[in-house]
Amino acid sequence: IDWVLSTLPSGATTGELSAHKRGTEEYIYVLQGTLEADVGAATHRLEAGDAIFFQATAPHRFYNPGKG
């Protein structure tokens, strides 16, 4: 397990859809604000306290639509 604390500024995105090597999984937990997670063909809107888990071989990116 590799724990990473990331901050995505208001209006920022992680860029183009990307995928990781086979066997990689991601677990995202939102500490505050709002996060939109595009995973495969689906978009998930996460608020503070929400989490998402997925196989990172699926194309994915993240976007902060909020003001903070």
PDB file of N, CA and C in Angstrom:
ATOM      1  N   ILE A   1       0.854  -1.165   0.000  1.00  0.00           N
ATOM      2  CA  ILE A   1       0.000   0.000   0.000  1.00  0.00           C
ATOM      3  C   ILE A   1       0.899   1.227   0.000  1.00  0.00           C
ATOM      4  N   ASP A   2       0.567   2.163  -0.851  1.00  0.00           N
ATOM      5  CA  ASP A   2       1.298   3.421  -0.948  1.00  0.00           C
ATOM      6  C   ASP A   2       0.311   4.546  -0.698  1.00  0.00           C
ATOM      7  N   TRP A   3       0.421   5.226   0.458  1.00  0.00           N
ATOM      8  CA  TRP A   3      -0.498   6.306   0.812  1.00  0.00           C
ATOM      9  C   TRP A   3       0.028   7.621   0.256  1.00  0.00           C
ATOM     10  N   VAL A   4      -0.833   8.387  -0.398  1.00  0.00           N
ATOM     11  CA  VAL A   4      -0.452   9.667  -0.979  1.00  0.00           C
ATOM     12  C   VAL A   4      -1.533  10.693  -0.650  1.00  0.00           C
ATOM     13  N   LEU A   5      -1.136  11.861  -0.174  1.00  0.00           N
ATOM     14  CA  LEU A   5      -2.065  12.958   0.069  1.00  0.00           C
ATOM     15  C   LEU A   5      -1.904  13.936  -1.083  1.00  0.00           C
ATOM     16  N   SER A   6      -2.970  14.134  -1.856  1.00  0.00           N
ATOM     17  CA  SER A   6      -2.924  15.024  -3.013  1.00  0.00           C
ATOM     18  C   SER A   6      -3.931  16.149  -2.852  1.00  0.00           C
ATOM     19  N   THR A   7      -3.572  17.315  -3.364  1.00  0.00           N
ATOM     20  CA  THR A   7      -4.470  18.460  -3.395  1.00  0.00           C
ATOM     21  C   THR A   7      -4.672  18.855  -4.847  1.00  0.00           C
ATOM     22  N   LEU A   8      -5.919  18.953  -5.250  1.00  0.00           N
ATOM     23  CA  LEU A   8      -6.257  19.348  -6.615  1.00  0.00           C
ATOM     24  C   LEU A   8      -6.943  20.706  -6.525  1.00  0.00           C
ATOM     25  N   PRO A   9      -6.288  21.775  -6.985  1.00  0.00           N
ATOM     26  CA  PRO A   9      -6.861  23.124  -6.870  1.00  0.00           C
ATOM     27  C   PRO A   9      -8.207  23.248  -7.586  1.00  0.00           C
ATOM     28  N   SER A  10      -8.976  24.231  -7.186  1.00  0.00           N
ATOM     29  CA  SER A  10     -10.273  24.496  -7.794  1.00  0.00           C
ATOM     30  C   SER A  10     -10.141  24.627  -9.306  1.00  0.00           C
ATOM     31  N   GLY A  11     -10.981  23.892 -10.049  1.00  0.00           N
ATOM     32  CA  GLY A  11     -10.978  23.931 -11.504  1.00  0.00           C
ATOM     33  C   GLY A  11      -9.898  23.099 -12.169  1.00  0.00           C
ATOM     34  N   ALA A  12      -9.034  22.468 -11.382  1.00  0.00           N
ATOM     35  CA  ALA A  12      -7.922  21.697 -11.940  1.00  0.00           C
ATOM     36  C   ALA A  12      -8.332  20.262 -12.254  1.00  0.00           C
ATOM     37  N   THR A  13      -7.597  19.661 -13.162  1.00  0.00           N
ATOM     38  CA  THR A  13      -7.791  18.263 -13.532  1.00  0.00           C
ATOM     39  C   THR A  13      -6.438  17.561 -13.526  1.00  0.00           C
ATOM     40  N   THR A  14      -6.462  16.253 -13.464  1.00  0.00           N
ATOM     41  CA  THR A  14      -5.221  15.492 -13.546  1.00  0.00           C
ATOM     42  C   THR A  14      -4.801  15.277 -14.998  1.00  0.00           C
ATOM     43  N   GLY A  15      -5.591  15.800 -15.941  1.00  0.00           N
ATOM     44  CA  GLY A  15      -5.206  15.733 -17.353  1.00  0.00           C
ATOM     45  C   GLY A  15      -6.007  14.706 -18.130  1.00  0.00           C
ATOM     46  N   GLU A  16      -5.391  14.179 -19.159  1.00  0.00           N
ATOM     47  CA  GLU A  16      -6.036  13.189 -20.019  1.00  0.00           C
ATOM     48  C   GLU A  16      -6.280  11.889 -19.263  1.00  0.00           C
ATOM     49  N   LEU A  17      -7.239  11.109 -19.755  1.00  0.00           N
ATOM     50  CA  LEU A  17      -7.474   9.791 -19.183  1.00  0.00           C
ATOM     51  C   LEU A  17      -6.191   8.972 -19.266  1.00  0.00           C
ATOM     52  N   SER A  18      -5.853   8.281 -18.196  1.00  0.00           N
ATOM     53  CA  SER A  18      -4.658   7.436 -18.194  1.00  0.00           C
ATOM     54  C   SER A  18      -4.966   6.149 -17.450  1.00  0.00           C
ATOM     55  N   ALA A  19      -4.177   5.141 -17.710  1.00  0.00           N
ATOM     56  CA  ALA A  19      -4.333   3.840 -17.047  1.00  0.00           C
ATOM     57  C   ALA A  19      -2.965   3.395 -16.536  1.00  0.00           C
ATOM     58  N   HIS A  20      -2.971   2.576 -15.496  1.00  0.00           N
ATOM     59  CA  HIS A  20      -1.734   2.064 -14.920  1.00  0.00           C
ATOM     60  C   HIS A  20      -1.560   0.595 -15.287  1.00  0.00           C
ATOM     61  N   LYS A  21      -0.403   0.082 -14.947  1.00  0.00           N
ATOM     62  CA  LYS A  21      -0.101  -1.311 -15.275  1.00  0.00           C
ATOM     63  C   LYS A  21      -1.034  -2.286 -14.565  1.00  0.00           C
ATOM     64  N   ARG A  22      -1.093  -3.464 -15.085  1.00  0.00           N
ATOM     65  CA  ARG A  22      -1.948  -4.519 -14.542  1.00  0.00           C
ATOM     66  C   ARG A  22      -1.606  -4.799 -13.079  1.00  0.00           C
ATOM     67  N   GLY A  23      -2.644  -5.019 -12.285  1.00  0.00           N
ATOM     68  CA  GLY A  23      -2.461  -5.356 -10.881  1.00  0.00           C
ATOM     69  C   GLY A  23      -2.499  -4.155  -9.946  1.00  0.00           C
ATOM     70  N   THR A  24      -2.599  -2.964 -10.508  1.00  0.00           N
ATOM     71  CA  THR A  24      -2.643  -1.759  -9.685  1.00  0.00           C
ATOM     72  C   THR A  24      -4.093  -1.406  -9.359  1.00  0.00           C
ATOM     73  N   GLU A  25      -4.343  -1.050  -8.112  1.00  0.00           N
ATOM     74  CA  GLU A  25      -5.671  -0.633  -7.675  1.00  0.00           C
ATOM     75  C   GLU A  25      -5.558   0.754  -7.066  1.00  0.00           C
ATOM     76  N   GLU A  26      -6.644   1.536  -7.140  1.00  0.00           N
ATOM     77  CA  GLU A  26      -6.655   2.854  -6.513  1.00  0.00           C
ATOM     78  C   GLU A  26      -7.848   2.957  -5.578  1.00  0.00           C
ATOM     79  N   TYR A  27      -7.605   3.574  -4.441  1.00  0.00           N
ATOM     80  CA  TYR A  27      -8.638   3.872  -3.461  1.00  0.00           C
ATOM     81  C   TYR A  27      -8.527   5.363  -3.190  1.00  0.00           C
ATOM     82  N   ILE A  28      -9.572   6.101  -3.500  1.00  0.00           N
ATOM     83  CA  ILE A  28      -9.577   7.550  -3.336  1.00  0.00           C
ATOM     84  C   ILE A  28     -10.574   7.902  -2.239  1.00  0.00           C
ATOM     85  N   TYR A  29     -10.139   8.706  -1.278  1.00  0.00           N
ATOM     86  CA  TYR A  29     -10.988   9.187  -0.196  1.00  0.00           C
ATOM     87  C   TYR A  29     -10.927  10.709  -0.211  1.00  0.00           C
ATOM     88  N   VAL A  30     -12.076  11.371  -0.254  1.00  0.00           N
ATOM     89  CA  VAL A  30     -12.128  12.829  -0.326  1.00  0.00           C
ATOM     90  C   VAL A  30     -12.203  13.403   1.091  1.00  0.00           C
ATOM     91  N   LEU A  31     -11.169  14.146   1.474  1.00  0.00           N
ATOM     92  CA  LEU A  31     -11.133  14.756   2.802  1.00  0.00           C
ATOM     93  C   LEU A  31     -12.033  15.985   2.884  1.00  0.00           C
ATOM     94  N   GLN A  32     -12.015  16.817   1.839  1.00  0.00           N
ATOM     95  CA  GLN A  32     -12.873  18.002   1.815  1.00  0.00           C
ATOM     96  C   GLN A  32     -13.109  18.413   0.376  1.00  0.00           C
ATOM     97  N   GLY A  33     -14.193  19.141   0.156  1.00  0.00           N
ATOM     98  CA  GLY A  33     -14.515  19.619  -1.185  1.00  0.00           C
ATOM     99  C   GLY A  33     -15.255  18.578  -2.010  1.00  0.00           C
ATOM    100  N   THR A  34     -15.147  18.745  -3.316  1.00  0.00           N
ATOM    101  CA  THR A  34     -15.828  17.883  -4.279  1.00  0.00           C
ATOM    102  C   THR A  34     -14.820  17.384  -5.299  1.00  0.00           C
ATOM    103  N   LEU A  35     -14.978  16.143  -5.732  1.00  0.00           N
ATOM    104  CA  LEU A  35     -14.094  15.561  -6.737  1.00  0.00           C
ATOM    105  C   LEU A  35     -14.937  14.799  -7.743  1.00  0.00           C
ATOM    106  N   GLU A  36     -14.708  15.026  -9.026  1.00  0.00           N
ATOM    107  CA  GLU A  36     -15.325  14.216 -10.063  1.00  0.00           C
ATOM    108  C   GLU A  36     -14.280  13.233 -10.556  1.00  0.00           C
ATOM    109  N   ALA A  37     -14.632  11.960 -10.524  1.00  0.00           N
ATOM    110  CA  ALA A  37     -13.724  10.903 -10.952  1.00  0.00           C
ATOM    111  C   ALA A  37     -14.292  10.244 -12.199  1.00  0.00           C
ATOM    112  N   ASP A  38     -13.580  10.385 -13.311  1.00  0.00           N
ATOM    113  CA  ASP A  38     -13.936   9.676 -14.533  1.00  0.00           C
ATOM    114  C   ASP A  38     -13.180   8.354 -14.507  1.00  0.00           C
ATOM    115  N   VAL A  39     -13.928   7.248 -14.453  1.00  0.00           N
ATOM    116  CA  VAL A  39     -13.327   5.924 -14.439  1.00  0.00           C
ATOM    117  C   VAL A  39     -14.023   5.113 -15.519  1.00  0.00           C
ATOM    118  N   GLY A  40     -13.260   4.725 -16.541  1.00  0.00           N
ATOM    119  CA  GLY A  40     -13.877   4.060 -17.682  1.00  0.00           C
ATOM    120  C   GLY A  40     -14.852   5.024 -18.328  1.00  0.00           C
ATOM    121  N   ALA A  41     -16.066   4.571 -18.587  1.00  0.00           N
ATOM    122  CA  ALA A  41     -17.090   5.404 -19.225  1.00  0.00           C
ATOM    123  C   ALA A  41     -17.975   6.127 -18.209  1.00  0.00           C
ATOM    124  N   ALA A  42     -17.718   5.954 -16.914  1.00  0.00           N
ATOM    125  CA  ALA A  42     -18.573   6.525 -15.873  1.00  0.00           C
ATOM    126  C   ALA A  42     -17.907   7.717 -15.187  1.00  0.00           C
ATOM    127  N   THR A  43     -18.732   8.678 -14.770  1.00  0.00           N
ATOM    128  CA  THR A  43     -18.269   9.809 -13.969  1.00  0.00           C
ATOM    129  C   THR A  43     -18.925   9.716 -12.601  1.00  0.00           C
ATOM    130  N   HIS A  44     -18.109   9.783 -11.564  1.00  0.00           N
ATOM    131  CA  HIS A  44     -18.591   9.692 -10.185  1.00  0.00           C
ATOM    132  C   HIS A  44     -18.312  11.023  -9.498  1.00  0.00           C
ATOM    133  N   ARG A  45     -19.331  11.587  -8.860  1.00  0.00           N
ATOM    134  CA  ARG A  45     -19.158  12.840  -8.106  1.00  0.00           C
ATOM    135  C   ARG A  45     -19.023  12.476  -6.633  1.00  0.00           C
ATOM    136  N   LEU A  46     -17.906  12.844  -6.057  1.00  0.00           N
ATOM    137  CA  LEU A  46     -17.602  12.512  -4.670  1.00  0.00           C
ATOM    138  C   LEU A  46     -17.554  13.788  -3.833  1.00  0.00           C
ATOM    139  N   GLU A  47     -18.122  13.720  -2.648  1.00  0.00           N
ATOM    140  CA  GLU A  47     -18.097  14.818  -1.690  1.00  0.00           C
ATOM    141  C   GLU A  47     -17.222  14.400  -0.511  1.00  0.00           C
ATOM    142  N   ALA A  48     -16.940  15.335   0.381  1.00  0.00           N
ATOM    143  CA  ALA A  48     -16.133  15.036   1.565  1.00  0.00           C
ATOM    144  C   ALA A  48     -16.698  13.823   2.292  1.00  0.00           C
ATOM    145  N   GLY A  49     -15.837  12.875   2.606  1.00  0.00           N
ATOM    146  CA  GLY A  49     -16.243  11.647   3.288  1.00  0.00           C
ATOM    147  C   GLY A  49     -16.560  10.501   2.344  1.00  0.00           C
ATOM    148  N   ASP A  50     -16.669  10.770   1.041  1.00  0.00           N
ATOM    149  CA  ASP A  50     -16.934   9.717   0.057  1.00  0.00           C
ATOM    150  C   ASP A  50     -15.627   9.062  -0.378  1.00  0.00           C
ATOM    151  N   ALA A  51     -15.752   7.841  -0.891  1.00  0.00           N
ATOM    152  CA  ALA A  51     -14.588   7.098  -1.366  1.00  0.00           C
ATOM    153  C   ALA A  51     -14.959   6.310  -2.615  1.00  0.00           C
ATOM    154  N   ILE A  52     -13.933   5.950  -3.386  1.00  0.00           N
ATOM    155  CA  ILE A  52     -14.117   5.120  -4.564  1.00  0.00           C
ATOM    156  C   ILE A  52     -12.909   4.188  -4.669  1.00  0.00           C
ATOM    157  N   PHE A  53     -13.156   2.969  -5.113  1.00  0.00           N
ATOM    158  CA  PHE A  53     -12.111   1.971  -5.302  1.00  0.00           C
ATOM    159  C   PHE A  53     -12.267   1.421  -6.708  1.00  0.00           C
ATOM    160  N   PHE A  54     -11.165   1.274  -7.445  1.00  0.00           N
ATOM    161  CA  PHE A  54     -11.244   0.742  -8.811  1.00  0.00           C
ATOM    162  C   PHE A  54      -9.911   0.159  -9.251  1.00  0.00           C
ATOM    163  N   GLN A  55      -9.972  -0.678 -10.275  1.00  0.00           N
ATOM    164  CA  GLN A  55      -8.776  -1.223 -10.900  1.00  0.00           C
ATOM    165  C   GLN A  55      -8.166  -0.112 -11.758  1.00  0.00           C
ATOM    166  N   ALA A  56      -6.925   0.233 -11.510  1.00  0.00           N
ATOM    167  CA  ALA A  56      -6.295   1.362 -12.181  1.00  0.00           C
ATOM    168  C   ALA A  56      -5.942   1.072 -13.639  1.00  0.00           C
ATOM    169  N   THR A  57      -6.214  -0.139 -14.101  1.00  0.00           N
ATOM    170  CA  THR A  57      -6.039  -0.425 -15.523  1.00  0.00           C
ATOM    171  C   THR A  57      -7.144   0.233 -16.338  1.00  0.00           C
ATOM    172  N   ALA A  58      -8.230   0.638 -15.673  1.00  0.00           N
ATOM    173  CA  ALA A  58      -9.303   1.385 -16.345  1.00  0.00           C
ATOM    174  C   ALA A  58      -8.813   2.821 -16.566  1.00  0.00           C
ATOM    175  N   PRO A  59      -9.062   3.393 -17.733  1.00  0.00           N
ATOM    176  CA  PRO A  59      -8.683   4.791 -17.949  1.00  0.00           C
ATOM    177  C   PRO A  59      -9.380   5.670 -16.920  1.00  0.00           C
ATOM    178  N   HIS A  60      -8.637   6.602 -16.322  1.00  0.00           N
ATOM    179  CA  HIS A  60      -9.218   7.438 -15.282  1.00  0.00           C
ATOM    180  C   HIS A  60      -8.532   8.799 -15.210  1.00  0.00           C
ATOM    181  N   ARG A  61      -9.269   9.756 -14.645  1.00  0.00           N
ATOM    182  CA  ARG A  61      -8.753  11.101 -14.355  1.00  0.00           C
ATOM    183  C   ARG A  61      -9.652  11.724 -13.302  1.00  0.00           C
ATOM    184  N   PHE A  62      -9.183  12.805 -12.715  1.00  0.00           N
ATOM    185  CA  PHE A  62      -9.920  13.472 -11.659  1.00  0.00           C
ATOM    186  C   PHE A  62     -10.015  14.963 -11.939  1.00  0.00           C
ATOM    187  N   TYR A  63     -11.111  15.570 -11.456  1.00  0.00           N
ATOM    188  CA  TYR A  63     -11.385  16.987 -11.685  1.00  0.00           C
ATOM    189  C   TYR A  63     -12.000  17.592 -10.425  1.00  0.00           C
ATOM    190  N   ASN A  64     -11.572  18.795 -10.064  1.00  0.00           N
ATOM    191  CA  ASN A  64     -12.135  19.506  -8.923  1.00  0.00           C
ATOM    192  C   ASN A  64     -13.083  20.587  -9.451  1.00  0.00           C
ATOM    193  N   PRO A  65     -14.396  20.338  -9.401  1.00  0.00           N
ATOM    194  CA  PRO A  65     -15.358  21.324  -9.897  1.00  0.00           C
ATOM    195  C   PRO A  65     -15.713  22.398  -8.858  1.00  0.00           C
ATOM    196  N   GLY A  66     -15.195  22.260  -7.657  1.00  0.00           N
ATOM    197  CA  GLY A  66     -15.570  23.144  -6.559  1.00  0.00           C
ATOM    198  C   GLY A  66     -14.798  24.448  -6.518  1.00  0.00           C
ATOM    199  N   LYS A  67     -15.054  25.193  -5.461  1.00  0.00           N
ATOM    200  CA  LYS A  67     -14.393  26.486  -5.265  1.00  0.00           C
ATOM    201  C   LYS A  67     -13.250  26.393  -4.268  1.00  0.00           C
ATOM    202  N   GLY A  68     -12.963  25.198  -3.830  1.00  0.00           N
ATOM    203  CA  GLY A  68     -11.876  25.042  -2.839  1.00  0.00           C
ATOM    204  C   GLY A  68     -11.228  23.708  -2.969  1.00  0.00           C
TER     205      GLY A  68
END
